[in-house]
Amino acid sequence: MPDVPVVLAVEDEELLQGMVHDALKDGGFDLVIAASGKDALALLTSGGVKYAALVTDINLKDSISGWEVARQAREIDPSFPVVYMTGASADRWPSLGVPNSILLQKPFAPAQLVTAVSQLLNVAASPLSPL
């Protein structure tokens, strides 16, 4: 049986946690949900789980933003797939977001989240084309 990719989702709103959970589970992913940037960084750096991708809200209630969580994830793995979710910070993505990430503007359909994660995982898994 193939390994199921584990996604780390960072969302501080319980209602959205449920939507993210259901969408990704229905899309064939396992996931761990962190309710704060601090919790997400602890999970990322613990080494207990090899996460396949990060899905993060940008504006979190603690002092660590989704931008910072993504930067830390990319320090661990420079090609770490990142999907941002935001209702208000889309205009800051070009300057604060990590390269080769996807931003979903809230509200979005659950299928858009699954598609975004799948797309980034497919890119990460594809071999580099020869020069």
N, C-alpha and C. Protein backbone atom coordinates (compact mmCIF):
# COMPACT_ATOMS: atom_id res chain seq x y z
N MET A 1 0.84 -1.18 0.00
CA MET A 1 0.00 0.00 0.00
C MET A 1 0.89 1.24 0.00
N PRO A 2 0.68 2.16 -0.93
CA PRO A 2 1.55 3.34 -1.00
C PRO A 2 1.33 4.25 0.20
N ASP A 3 2.38 4.98 0.54
CA ASP A 3 2.27 5.95 1.62
C ASP A 3 1.32 7.06 1.23
N VAL A 4 0.51 7.47 2.18
CA VAL A 4 -0.41 8.59 1.96
C VAL A 4 0.31 9.86 2.36
N PRO A 5 0.36 10.87 1.48
CA PRO A 5 1.05 12.11 1.84
C PRO A 5 0.39 12.78 3.05
N VAL A 6 1.23 13.26 3.96
CA VAL A 6 0.74 13.96 5.15
C VAL A 6 0.93 15.46 4.94
N VAL A 7 -0.15 16.20 5.04
CA VAL A 7 -0.14 17.65 4.86
C VAL A 7 -0.22 18.30 6.23
N LEU A 8 0.61 19.31 6.46
CA LEU A 8 0.50 20.12 7.67
C LEU A 8 -0.36 21.33 7.33
N ALA A 9 -1.49 21.44 7.99
CA ALA A 9 -2.40 22.57 7.76
C ALA A 9 -2.38 23.48 8.98
N VAL A 10 -2.21 24.79 8.73
CA VAL A 10 -2.16 25.76 9.82
C VAL A 10 -3.35 26.70 9.65
N GLU A 11 -4.28 26.60 10.58
CA GLU A 11 -5.51 27.41 10.51
C GLU A 11 -6.01 27.61 11.93
N ASP A 12 -6.27 28.86 12.30
CA ASP A 12 -6.70 29.14 13.67
C ASP A 12 -8.22 29.23 13.84
N GLU A 13 -8.97 29.20 12.77
CA GLU A 13 -10.43 29.26 12.85
C GLU A 13 -10.98 27.83 12.80
N GLU A 14 -11.72 27.42 13.83
CA GLU A 14 -12.21 26.04 13.90
C GLU A 14 -13.06 25.65 12.71
N LEU A 15 -13.92 26.55 12.26
CA LEU A 15 -14.79 26.24 11.12
C LEU A 15 -13.97 25.92 9.88
N LEU A 16 -12.94 26.73 9.63
CA LEU A 16 -12.07 26.50 8.47
C LEU A 16 -11.20 25.27 8.66
N GLN A 17 -10.81 24.97 9.90
CA GLN A 17 -10.06 23.74 10.16
C GLN A 17 -10.87 22.54 9.67
N GLY A 18 -12.15 22.55 9.96
CA GLY A 18 -13.02 21.45 9.54
C GLY A 18 -13.11 21.33 8.03
N MET A 19 -13.25 22.46 7.35
CA MET A 19 -13.34 22.45 5.89
C MET A 19 -12.03 21.94 5.28
N VAL A 20 -10.90 22.43 5.78
CA VAL A 20 -9.59 22.01 5.28
C VAL A 20 -9.41 20.51 5.54
N HIS A 21 -9.75 20.08 6.74
CA HIS A 21 -9.64 18.66 7.10
C HIS A 21 -10.46 17.79 6.14
N ASP A 22 -11.73 18.12 5.98
CA ASP A 22 -12.61 17.31 5.15
C ASP A 22 -12.15 17.30 3.69
N ALA A 23 -11.76 18.49 3.18
CA ALA A 23 -11.34 18.57 1.78
C ALA A 23 -10.11 17.71 1.52
N LEU A 24 -9.11 17.82 2.39
CA LEU A 24 -7.87 17.08 2.16
C LEU A 24 -8.05 15.58 2.40
N LYS A 25 -8.82 15.22 3.43
CA LYS A 25 -9.10 13.79 3.67
C LYS A 25 -9.83 13.19 2.47
N ASP A 26 -10.87 13.91 1.98
CA ASP A 26 -11.61 13.44 0.81
C ASP A 26 -10.71 13.38 -0.43
N GLY A 27 -9.68 14.23 -0.47
CA GLY A 27 -8.75 14.25 -1.59
C GLY A 27 -7.67 13.19 -1.50
N GLY A 28 -7.68 12.38 -0.43
CA GLY A 28 -6.73 11.29 -0.32
C GLY A 28 -5.49 11.58 0.50
N PHE A 29 -5.51 12.66 1.26
CA PHE A 29 -4.36 13.03 2.08
C PHE A 29 -4.62 12.74 3.55
N ASP A 30 -3.56 12.48 4.30
CA ASP A 30 -3.62 12.51 5.74
C ASP A 30 -3.23 13.93 6.13
N LEU A 31 -3.63 14.37 7.32
CA LEU A 31 -3.18 15.69 7.70
C LEU A 31 -3.09 15.84 9.19
N VAL A 32 -2.27 16.83 9.54
CA VAL A 32 -2.11 17.27 10.91
C VAL A 32 -2.48 18.75 10.89
N ILE A 33 -3.34 19.15 11.83
CA ILE A 33 -3.75 20.56 11.87
C ILE A 33 -3.11 21.23 13.07
N ALA A 34 -2.48 22.36 12.81
CA ALA A 34 -1.92 23.21 13.87
C ALA A 34 -2.80 24.46 13.95
N ALA A 35 -3.09 24.90 15.17
CA ALA A 35 -3.97 26.06 15.35
C ALA A 35 -3.19 27.37 15.46
N SER A 36 -1.85 27.30 15.38
CA SER A 36 -1.05 28.53 15.47
C SER A 36 0.26 28.34 14.71
N GLY A 37 0.89 29.46 14.41
CA GLY A 37 2.19 29.40 13.76
C GLY A 37 3.22 28.73 14.65
N LYS A 38 3.15 29.02 15.95
CA LYS A 38 4.09 28.42 16.91
C LYS A 38 3.96 26.90 16.92
N ASP A 39 2.71 26.41 16.97
CA ASP A 39 2.49 24.96 16.94
C ASP A 39 2.99 24.35 15.63
N ALA A 40 2.76 25.05 14.52
CA ALA A 40 3.19 24.54 13.21
C ALA A 40 4.71 24.42 13.15
N LEU A 41 5.41 25.43 13.64
CA LEU A 41 6.88 25.37 13.62
C LEU A 41 7.39 24.25 14.51
N ALA A 42 6.75 24.03 15.65
CA ALA A 42 7.15 22.93 16.53
C ALA A 42 6.97 21.59 15.82
N LEU A 43 5.87 21.43 15.11
CA LEU A 43 5.61 20.19 14.37
C LEU A 43 6.61 20.00 13.23
N LEU A 44 6.89 21.08 12.50
CA LEU A 44 7.83 21.00 11.37
C LEU A 44 9.23 20.62 11.81
N THR A 45 9.66 21.19 12.93
CA THR A 45 11.04 20.99 13.35
C THR A 45 11.23 19.77 14.24
N SER A 46 10.15 19.14 14.67
CA SER A 46 10.26 17.99 15.57
C SER A 46 10.86 16.78 14.86
N GLY A 47 10.65 16.70 13.55
CA GLY A 47 11.16 15.55 12.80
C GLY A 47 10.34 14.29 12.99
N GLY A 48 9.26 14.36 13.73
CA GLY A 48 8.44 13.19 13.98
C GLY A 48 7.68 12.70 12.76
N VAL A 49 7.28 13.62 11.91
CA VAL A 49 6.51 13.29 10.71
C VAL A 49 7.18 13.96 9.52
N LYS A 50 7.25 13.25 8.40
CA LYS A 50 7.76 13.86 7.16
C LYS A 50 6.55 14.40 6.41
N TYR A 51 6.37 15.71 6.49
CA TYR A 51 5.22 16.34 5.84
C TYR A 51 5.48 16.48 4.34
N ALA A 52 4.44 16.24 3.55
CA ALA A 52 4.55 16.34 2.10
C ALA A 52 4.28 17.75 1.61
N ALA A 53 3.50 18.52 2.38
CA ALA A 53 3.14 19.88 1.96
C ALA A 53 2.65 20.67 3.16
N LEU A 54 2.65 21.99 2.98
CA LEU A 54 2.15 22.92 3.99
C LEU A 54 0.99 23.70 3.40
N VAL A 55 -0.11 23.73 4.14
CA VAL A 55 -1.25 24.59 3.80
C VAL A 55 -1.40 25.52 4.98
N THR A 56 -1.25 26.82 4.77
CA THR A 56 -1.29 27.74 5.90
C THR A 56 -2.12 28.98 5.64
N ASP A 57 -2.89 29.34 6.66
CA ASP A 57 -3.52 30.65 6.68
C ASP A 57 -2.38 31.65 6.86
N ILE A 58 -2.57 32.86 6.41
CA ILE A 58 -1.50 33.86 6.54
C ILE A 58 -1.61 34.61 7.86
N ASN A 59 -2.80 35.10 8.15
CA ASN A 59 -3.00 35.90 9.35
C ASN A 59 -3.45 35.01 10.49
N LEU A 60 -2.49 34.62 11.32
CA LEU A 60 -2.76 33.74 12.45
C LEU A 60 -2.83 34.56 13.72
N LYS A 61 -3.48 34.01 14.73
CA LYS A 61 -3.72 34.78 15.96
C LYS A 61 -2.47 34.98 16.80
N ASP A 62 -1.46 34.14 16.64
CA ASP A 62 -0.25 34.35 17.44
C ASP A 62 0.73 35.24 16.67
N SER A 63 1.92 35.37 17.19
CA SER A 63 2.88 36.32 16.61
C SER A 63 3.58 35.79 15.37
N ILE A 64 3.37 34.52 15.04
CA ILE A 64 4.04 33.93 13.87
C ILE A 64 3.02 33.82 12.74
N SER A 65 3.31 34.48 11.62
CA SER A 65 2.39 34.48 10.48
C SER A 65 2.61 33.25 9.60
N GLY A 66 1.66 33.03 8.71
CA GLY A 66 1.81 31.98 7.71
C GLY A 66 3.00 32.22 6.80
N TRP A 67 3.30 33.50 6.56
CA TRP A 67 4.50 33.81 5.75
C TRP A 67 5.73 33.21 6.42
N GLU A 68 5.85 33.41 7.76
CA GLU A 68 7.02 32.93 8.50
C GLU A 68 7.05 31.40 8.56
N VAL A 69 5.90 30.77 8.76
CA VAL A 69 5.84 29.30 8.79
C VAL A 69 6.37 28.75 7.46
N ALA A 70 5.94 29.34 6.36
CA ALA A 70 6.38 28.87 5.04
C ALA A 70 7.88 29.08 4.85
N ARG A 71 8.41 30.21 5.28
CA ARG A 71 9.85 30.45 5.17
C ARG A 71 10.64 29.40 5.95
N GLN A 72 10.16 29.09 7.16
CA GLN A 72 10.84 28.08 7.99
C GLN A 72 10.77 26.70 7.33
N ALA A 73 9.61 26.38 6.74
CA ALA A 73 9.46 25.09 6.05
C ALA A 73 10.45 25.00 4.89
N ARG A 74 10.64 26.11 4.17
CA ARG A 74 11.58 26.12 3.05
C ARG A 74 13.03 26.06 3.51
N GLU A 75 13.32 26.46 4.75
CA GLU A 75 14.67 26.29 5.27
C GLU A 75 14.96 24.81 5.51
N ILE A 76 13.92 24.06 5.89
CA ILE A 76 14.06 22.62 6.10
C ILE A 76 14.20 21.91 4.76
N ASP A 77 13.36 22.30 3.79
CA ASP A 77 13.37 21.69 2.45
C ASP A 77 13.07 22.81 1.44
N PRO A 78 14.06 23.20 0.64
CA PRO A 78 13.89 24.33 -0.29
C PRO A 78 12.77 24.14 -1.32
N SER A 79 12.32 22.90 -1.54
CA SER A 79 11.24 22.68 -2.51
C SER A 79 9.92 22.33 -1.84
N PHE A 80 9.82 22.57 -0.54
CA PHE A 80 8.63 22.21 0.23
C PHE A 80 7.39 22.86 -0.39
N PRO A 81 6.37 22.07 -0.78
CA PRO A 81 5.16 22.63 -1.38
C PRO A 81 4.38 23.47 -0.36
N VAL A 82 4.01 24.70 -0.76
CA VAL A 82 3.30 25.61 0.14
C VAL A 82 2.06 26.16 -0.56
N VAL A 83 0.92 26.04 0.14
CA VAL A 83 -0.33 26.66 -0.30
C VAL A 83 -0.75 27.64 0.80
N TYR A 84 -0.89 28.90 0.42
CA TYR A 84 -1.38 29.92 1.35
C TYR A 84 -2.88 30.07 1.21
N MET A 85 -3.55 30.36 2.33
CA MET A 85 -4.97 30.69 2.32
C MET A 85 -5.11 32.05 2.98
N THR A 86 -5.87 32.95 2.37
CA THR A 86 -6.04 34.26 2.98
C THR A 86 -7.33 34.92 2.53
N GLY A 87 -7.83 35.76 3.41
CA GLY A 87 -8.98 36.58 3.06
C GLY A 87 -8.57 38.02 2.82
N ALA A 88 -7.38 38.38 3.29
CA ALA A 88 -7.03 39.80 3.25
C ALA A 88 -5.60 40.12 2.82
N SER A 89 -4.75 39.14 2.66
CA SER A 89 -3.33 39.44 2.43
C SER A 89 -2.82 39.04 1.06
N ALA A 90 -3.70 38.82 0.11
CA ALA A 90 -3.27 38.36 -1.21
C ALA A 90 -2.32 39.34 -1.88
N ASP A 91 -2.51 40.63 -1.65
CA ASP A 91 -1.67 41.64 -2.30
C ASP A 91 -0.23 41.59 -1.79
N ARG A 92 0.02 40.96 -0.66
CA ARG A 92 1.37 40.88 -0.11
C ARG A 92 2.11 39.61 -0.54
N TRP A 93 1.41 38.70 -1.23
CA TRP A 93 2.00 37.42 -1.63
C TRP A 93 3.26 37.60 -2.49
N PRO A 94 3.25 38.50 -3.51
CA PRO A 94 4.47 38.62 -4.34
C PRO A 94 5.71 39.01 -3.54
N SER A 95 5.55 39.79 -2.49
CA SER A 95 6.72 40.24 -1.73
C SER A 95 7.03 39.37 -0.52
N LEU A 96 6.02 38.73 0.08
CA LEU A 96 6.25 37.96 1.31
C LEU A 96 6.15 36.45 1.13
N GLY A 97 5.50 36.01 0.07
CA GLY A 97 5.33 34.58 -0.15
C GLY A 97 6.60 33.94 -0.66
N VAL A 98 6.72 32.63 -0.41
CA VAL A 98 7.89 31.91 -0.92
C VAL A 98 7.66 31.60 -2.41
N PRO A 99 8.72 31.50 -3.20
CA PRO A 99 8.58 31.19 -4.63
C PRO A 99 7.92 29.83 -4.84
N ASN A 100 7.30 29.68 -5.99
CA ASN A 100 6.66 28.42 -6.38
C ASN A 100 5.63 27.94 -5.36
N SER A 101 4.86 28.88 -4.86
CA SER A 101 3.76 28.56 -3.95
C SER A 101 2.45 28.93 -4.64
N ILE A 102 1.35 28.54 -4.03
CA ILE A 102 0.03 28.86 -4.55
C ILE A 102 -0.73 29.61 -3.47
N LEU A 103 -1.47 30.63 -3.87
CA LEU A 103 -2.30 31.37 -2.93
C LEU A 103 -3.76 31.18 -3.30
N LEU A 104 -4.57 30.79 -2.31
CA LEU A 104 -6.01 30.68 -2.48
C LEU A 104 -6.67 31.81 -1.70
N GLN A 105 -7.49 32.57 -2.40
CA GLN A 105 -8.21 33.68 -1.78
C GLN A 105 -9.50 33.13 -1.15
N LYS A 106 -9.71 33.41 0.14
CA LYS A 106 -10.95 32.99 0.81
C LYS A 106 -12.09 33.87 0.34
N PRO A 107 -13.28 33.33 0.16
CA PRO A 107 -13.62 31.92 0.27
C PRO A 107 -13.23 31.17 -1.00
N PHE A 108 -12.86 29.92 -0.85
CA PHE A 108 -12.53 29.08 -2.00
C PHE A 108 -13.25 27.74 -1.83
N ALA A 109 -13.41 27.04 -2.94
CA ALA A 109 -14.07 25.74 -2.91
C ALA A 109 -13.08 24.69 -2.38
N PRO A 110 -13.56 23.72 -1.61
CA PRO A 110 -12.67 22.67 -1.12
C PRO A 110 -11.87 22.00 -2.24
N ALA A 111 -12.49 21.81 -3.39
CA ALA A 111 -11.78 21.18 -4.51
C ALA A 111 -10.58 22.01 -4.96
N GLN A 112 -10.65 23.33 -4.82
CA GLN A 112 -9.51 24.18 -5.19
C GLN A 112 -8.32 23.89 -4.30
N LEU A 113 -8.57 23.63 -3.03
CA LEU A 113 -7.49 23.32 -2.09
C LEU A 113 -6.83 21.98 -2.47
N VAL A 114 -7.62 20.98 -2.72
CA VAL A 114 -7.10 19.67 -3.10
C VAL A 114 -6.30 19.78 -4.40
N THR A 115 -6.82 20.52 -5.36
CA THR A 115 -6.13 20.70 -6.63
C THR A 115 -4.79 21.41 -6.44
N ALA A 116 -4.77 22.45 -5.60
CA ALA A 116 -3.53 23.20 -5.37
C ALA A 116 -2.46 22.31 -4.73
N VAL A 117 -2.83 21.55 -3.70
CA VAL A 117 -1.87 20.67 -3.05
C VAL A 117 -1.39 19.59 -4.02
N SER A 118 -2.31 18.98 -4.74
CA SER A 118 -1.95 17.94 -5.71
C SER A 118 -1.01 18.47 -6.78
N GLN A 119 -1.31 19.66 -7.27
CA GLN A 119 -0.49 20.27 -8.31
C GLN A 119 0.94 20.47 -7.81
N LEU A 120 1.11 21.00 -6.61
CA LEU A 120 2.46 21.22 -6.09
C LEU A 120 3.17 19.91 -5.81
N LEU A 121 2.46 18.91 -5.33
CA LEU A 121 3.10 17.61 -5.09
C LEU A 121 3.52 16.95 -6.40
N ASN A 122 2.72 17.11 -7.44
CA ASN A 122 3.08 16.56 -8.75
C ASN A 122 4.32 17.24 -9.30
N VAL A 123 4.43 18.55 -9.12
CA VAL A 123 5.62 19.28 -9.58
C VAL A 123 6.84 18.81 -8.79
N ALA A 124 6.68 18.65 -7.47
CA ALA A 124 7.79 18.24 -6.63
C ALA A 124 8.25 16.82 -6.97
N ALA A 125 7.31 15.97 -7.41
CA ALA A 125 7.64 14.58 -7.71
C ALA A 125 8.17 14.36 -9.11
N SER A 126 7.96 15.32 -10.01
CA SER A 126 8.37 15.12 -11.39
C SER A 126 9.88 15.29 -11.52
N PRO A 127 10.51 14.41 -12.27
CA PRO A 127 11.97 14.54 -12.43
C PRO A 127 12.31 15.79 -13.24
N LEU A 128 13.45 16.33 -12.95
CA LEU A 128 13.89 17.51 -13.71
C LEU A 128 14.16 17.10 -15.16
N SER A 129 13.71 17.92 -16.06
CA SER A 129 13.95 17.60 -17.47
C SER A 129 15.42 17.87 -17.79
N PRO A 130 16.00 17.06 -18.66
CA PRO A 130 17.42 17.24 -18.99
C PRO A 130 17.66 18.57 -19.71
N LEU A 131 18.82 19.11 -19.50
CA LEU A 131 19.16 20.41 -20.14
C LEU A 131 19.52 20.21 -21.59
